[in-house]
């Protein structure tokens, strides 16, 4: 009997841990990118803009961006008209991260080539929790600034 009780306890514990693991997967980040673009660069630097929407129940963090366009890509925030490099951006649960002109953005330095209007620049967004997301940034005219809806 003692052996059966121990076995039953182990099975109950394993089942409980398995169920706990299943329930936590329901609240993971669910990320989607919209409104992506890059103004046509006029030097060996460029900026990228987009919105990352998180419809999941858990927040995440954008930690880096990679692209074949540059080996030197950083993320910047702009506060009080001052731009500074940051290591990550929050993507809140049920919210969004808005990388926009005059605000936070992706910065491409030492471009390997000059993308032209009408082309697409492939990038990969890397997150703390979610899998990377591949996005094409359509190259727009230098002064492009979409209206907020």
Protein backbone atom coordinates (compact mmCIF):
# COMPACT_ATOMS: atom_id res chain seq x y z
CA UNK A 1 0.00 0.00 0.00
CA UNK A 2 2.77 2.42 0.87
CA UNK A 3 4.29 1.99 -2.59
CA UNK A 4 0.93 2.64 -4.29
CA UNK A 5 0.36 5.78 -2.23
CA UNK A 6 3.80 7.08 -3.22
CA UNK A 7 3.16 6.29 -6.89
CA UNK A 8 -0.24 7.99 -6.76
CA UNK A 9 1.37 11.05 -5.19
CA UNK A 10 4.04 11.20 -7.92
CA UNK A 11 1.39 10.88 -10.66
CA UNK A 12 -0.74 13.60 -9.05
CA UNK A 13 2.27 15.92 -8.75
CA UNK A 14 3.33 15.33 -12.36
CA UNK A 15 -0.22 15.93 -13.58
CA UNK A 16 -0.44 19.14 -11.58
CA UNK A 17 2.88 20.40 -12.98
CA UNK A 18 1.81 19.52 -16.52
CA UNK A 19 -1.48 21.37 -16.13
CA UNK A 20 0.28 24.38 -14.63
CA UNK A 21 2.60 24.44 -17.63
CA UNK A 22 -0.34 24.30 -20.02
CA UNK A 23 -2.24 27.10 -18.35
CA UNK A 24 0.76 29.46 -18.38
CA UNK A 25 1.16 29.04 -22.16
CA UNK A 26 -2.24 30.68 -22.59
CA UNK A 27 -0.82 33.99 -21.38
CA UNK A 28 2.18 34.40 -23.69
CA UNK A 29 2.88 37.46 -25.82
CA UNK A 30 1.08 37.46 -29.19
CA UNK A 31 2.86 39.99 -31.36
CA UNK A 32 1.92 41.52 -34.72
CA UNK A 33 3.70 44.28 -36.66
CA UNK A 34 1.85 47.00 -38.59
CA UNK A 35 2.66 50.31 -40.26
CA UNK A 36 6.32 49.51 -40.97
CA UNK A 37 8.36 51.92 -43.14
CA UNK A 38 11.76 53.49 -43.68
CA UNK A 39 12.15 57.00 -45.12
CA UNK A 40 14.64 56.92 -48.01
CA UNK A 41 18.02 57.66 -46.41
CA UNK A 42 20.06 60.68 -47.52
CA UNK A 43 23.31 59.58 -45.84
CA UNK A 44 24.88 56.37 -44.51
CA UNK A 45 22.28 56.33 -41.72
CA UNK A 46 18.58 55.46 -41.79
CA UNK A 47 15.65 55.12 -39.40
CA UNK A 48 12.89 52.54 -39.24
CA UNK A 49 9.42 52.93 -37.85
CA UNK A 50 6.62 50.46 -37.03
CA UNK A 51 4.03 49.44 -34.47
CA UNK A 52 4.25 46.19 -32.51
CA UNK A 53 0.85 45.13 -31.18
CA UNK A 54 0.62 42.59 -28.35
CA UNK A 55 -2.79 40.93 -28.05
CA UNK A 56 -1.43 38.37 -25.58
CA UNK A 57 -1.77 38.32 -21.82
CA UNK A 58 1.94 38.77 -21.09
CA UNK A 59 4.22 41.71 -21.79
CA UNK A 60 7.43 41.30 -23.80
CA UNK A 61 10.48 43.38 -24.70
CA UNK A 62 11.99 44.26 -28.07
CA UNK A 63 15.68 43.61 -27.42
CA UNK A 64 17.35 44.03 -30.81
CA UNK A 65 16.93 44.35 -34.57
CA UNK A 66 19.04 42.72 -37.28
CA UNK A 67 19.16 43.31 -41.04
CA UNK A 68 21.39 42.70 -44.04
CA UNK A 69 21.35 46.49 -44.61
CA UNK A 70 23.67 47.19 -41.66
CA UNK A 71 25.75 45.44 -39.02
CA UNK A 72 25.24 48.42 -36.69
CA UNK A 73 21.53 48.66 -35.74
CA UNK A 74 20.39 50.12 -32.45
CA UNK A 75 17.10 51.16 -30.90
CA UNK A 76 16.60 54.72 -29.65
CA UNK A 77 14.06 56.61 -27.61
CA UNK A 78 13.42 60.32 -27.88
CA UNK A 79 12.30 62.16 -24.77
CA UNK A 80 12.27 65.94 -24.33
CA UNK A 81 13.79 66.30 -27.81
CA UNK A 82 16.81 64.21 -26.76
CA UNK A 83 17.62 60.93 -28.49
CA UNK A 84 19.40 58.15 -26.61
CA UNK A 85 20.18 54.52 -27.30
CA UNK A 86 18.34 51.95 -25.14
CA UNK A 87 18.81 48.21 -24.66
CA UNK A 88 15.13 47.30 -25.02
CA UNK A 89 11.56 48.56 -25.33
CA UNK A 90 8.51 47.26 -23.45
CA UNK A 91 5.69 45.74 -25.49
CA UNK A 92 2.86 45.75 -22.92
CA UNK A 93 0.30 42.96 -22.66
CA UNK A 94 -2.84 44.03 -24.50
CA UNK A 95 -1.02 47.14 -25.77
CA UNK A 96 1.50 48.28 -28.32
CA UNK A 97 4.96 49.71 -28.88
CA UNK A 98 4.83 52.61 -31.35
CA UNK A 99 8.12 53.43 -33.06
CA UNK A 100 7.34 56.71 -34.84
CA UNK A 101 8.95 59.86 -36.24
CA UNK A 102 9.90 62.22 -33.44
CA UNK A 103 9.81 59.38 -30.94
CA UNK A 104 11.31 55.97 -30.38
CA UNK A 105 12.78 54.32 -33.50
CA UNK A 106 15.20 51.85 -35.05
CA UNK A 107 18.54 53.37 -36.13
CA UNK A 108 20.62 51.89 -38.95
CA UNK A 109 24.25 53.09 -39.07
CA UNK A 110 26.95 52.51 -41.73
CA UNK A 111 24.54 51.32 -44.42
CA UNK A 112 25.96 48.69 -46.79
CA UNK A 113 23.85 50.14 -49.62
CA UNK A 114 21.39 53.00 -50.19
CA UNK A 115 17.84 51.64 -50.36
CA UNK A 116 15.65 53.52 -52.84
CA UNK A 117 12.00 54.48 -52.63
CA UNK A 118 9.80 51.52 -53.58
CA UNK A 119 12.25 48.90 -52.32
CA UNK A 120 11.83 46.84 -49.15
CA UNK A 121 14.40 46.48 -46.39
CA UNK A 122 14.15 43.11 -44.60
CA UNK A 123 14.61 43.23 -40.82
CA UNK A 124 14.24 40.75 -38.01
CA UNK A 125 12.90 41.89 -34.64
CA UNK A 126 14.18 40.01 -31.58
CA UNK A 127 12.26 39.74 -28.33
CA UNK A 128 12.87 38.59 -24.78
CA UNK A 129 10.06 35.98 -24.87
CA UNK A 130 8.48 35.73 -28.33
CA UNK A 131 10.12 34.22 -31.39
CA UNK A 132 11.79 36.66 -33.81
CA UNK A 133 9.53 38.38 -36.35
CA UNK A 134 10.68 39.06 -39.92
CA UNK A 135 9.33 42.30 -41.39
CA UNK A 136 9.87 44.20 -44.63
CA UNK A 137 10.22 47.97 -44.23
CA UNK A 138 8.92 49.62 -47.42
CA UNK A 139 11.20 52.53 -48.36
CA UNK A 140 9.12 55.71 -48.65
CA UNK A 141 9.99 59.25 -49.70
CA UNK A 142 12.37 61.03 -47.32
CA UNK A 143 9.63 63.24 -45.84
CA UNK A 144 7.03 60.45 -45.42
CA UNK A 145 5.12 60.67 -42.15
CA UNK A 146 1.85 58.74 -41.94
CA UNK A 147 -1.07 60.45 -40.26
CA UNK A 148 -2.15 59.06 -36.92
CA UNK A 149 -5.61 57.52 -37.03
